[in-house]
Amino acid sequence: MRAEYDFDYSKAVRGKYYKRLLKEGSNVVVMERDVAKAFRASASVNKALRSVLKNKRPRRLTARSPRTRYKARRAG
């Protein structure tokens, strides 16, 4: 690479964000080819996913078992 093309690449660090991506995850989603043909833009994907989320019922939380409640009362 020519010196005039360097643009601070000589100061680059390989894998700088690797551990953070492992911990936090990534926002990259890979779609199958047939799905990608149906959604040409991220806006249309977001619109479709929001409509799915809007129609989805929230999960009900389950109650603790009696044994767990007993242990919690004894602890404190």
Protein backbone atom coordinates (compact mmCIF):
# COMPACT_ATOMS: atom_id res chain seq x y z
CA MET A 1 0.00 0.00 0.00
CA ARG A 2 1.29 3.42 -0.84
CA ALA A 3 2.06 5.78 2.03
CA GLU A 4 -0.49 8.35 0.77
CA TYR A 5 -3.23 5.69 1.00
CA ASP A 6 -2.48 4.75 4.61
CA PHE A 7 -5.28 6.82 6.27
CA ASP A 8 -4.20 5.62 9.75
CA TYR A 9 -4.45 1.93 8.84
CA SER A 10 -0.99 1.49 10.31
CA LYS A 11 -2.50 2.32 13.72
CA ALA A 12 -5.39 -0.14 13.34
CA VAL A 13 -5.93 -2.88 15.90
CA ARG A 14 -7.11 -6.28 14.74
CA GLY A 15 -10.14 -7.59 16.60
CA LYS A 16 -10.60 -4.45 18.68
CA TYR A 17 -14.34 -5.04 19.24
CA TYR A 18 -14.31 -8.84 19.13
CA LYS A 19 -14.88 -9.44 22.86
CA ARG A 20 -17.61 -6.79 23.05
CA LEU A 21 -19.47 -8.37 20.13
CA LEU A 22 -19.29 -11.77 21.81
CA LYS A 23 -20.69 -10.29 25.03
CA GLU A 24 -23.33 -7.92 23.65
CA GLY A 25 -24.13 -9.58 20.37
CA SER A 26 -24.61 -7.94 17.04
CA ASN A 27 -27.49 -6.28 15.26
CA VAL A 28 -26.73 -8.03 11.98
CA VAL A 29 -29.39 -10.45 10.77
CA VAL A 30 -28.77 -12.67 7.77
CA MET A 31 -31.89 -13.42 5.76
CA GLU A 32 -32.46 -16.36 3.48
CA ARG A 33 -32.32 -15.52 -0.21
CA ASP A 34 -36.07 -15.86 -0.83
CA VAL A 35 -36.88 -13.57 2.11
CA ALA A 36 -34.33 -11.00 0.97
CA LYS A 37 -36.04 -10.87 -2.44
CA ALA A 38 -39.34 -9.99 -0.76
CA PHE A 39 -37.80 -7.22 1.38
CA ARG A 40 -35.58 -4.91 -0.65
CA ALA A 41 -35.12 -2.27 2.05
CA SER A 42 -34.64 -2.34 5.81
CA ALA A 43 -37.67 -0.09 6.25
CA SER A 44 -39.98 -2.75 4.83
CA VAL A 45 -38.44 -5.42 7.07
CA ASN A 46 -38.89 -3.21 10.13
CA LYS A 47 -42.51 -2.47 9.18
CA ALA A 48 -43.31 -6.18 8.82
CA LEU A 49 -41.62 -7.10 12.11
CA ARG A 50 -43.40 -4.31 13.98
CA SER A 51 -46.77 -5.56 12.72
CA VAL A 52 -45.89 -9.05 13.97
CA LEU A 53 -44.88 -7.67 17.36
CA LYS A 54 -48.05 -5.59 17.63
CA ASN A 55 -50.25 -8.65 17.07
CA LYS A 56 -48.28 -10.89 19.41
CA ARG A 57 -49.75 -11.38 22.86
CA PRO A 58 -47.43 -10.74 25.78
CA ARG A 59 -46.41 -13.79 27.78
CA ARG A 60 -47.86 -14.19 31.23
CA LEU A 61 -45.42 -14.61 34.03
CA THR A 62 -45.73 -17.85 35.91
CA ALA A 63 -46.15 -17.83 39.66
CA ARG A 64 -43.42 -19.19 41.86
CA SER A 65 -43.84 -22.69 43.14
CA PRO A 66 -44.96 -23.02 46.79
CA ARG A 67 -41.56 -24.47 47.69
CA THR A 68 -39.73 -21.43 46.31
CA ARG A 69 -42.05 -19.06 48.23
CA TYR A 70 -41.38 -21.00 51.45
CA LYS A 71 -37.60 -20.74 50.96
CA ALA A 72 -37.88 -17.01 50.23
CA ARG A 73 -39.86 -16.39 53.44
CA ARG A 74 -37.38 -18.34 55.54
CA ALA A 75 -34.41 -16.47 54.05
CA GLY A 76 -35.73 -13.27 54.88
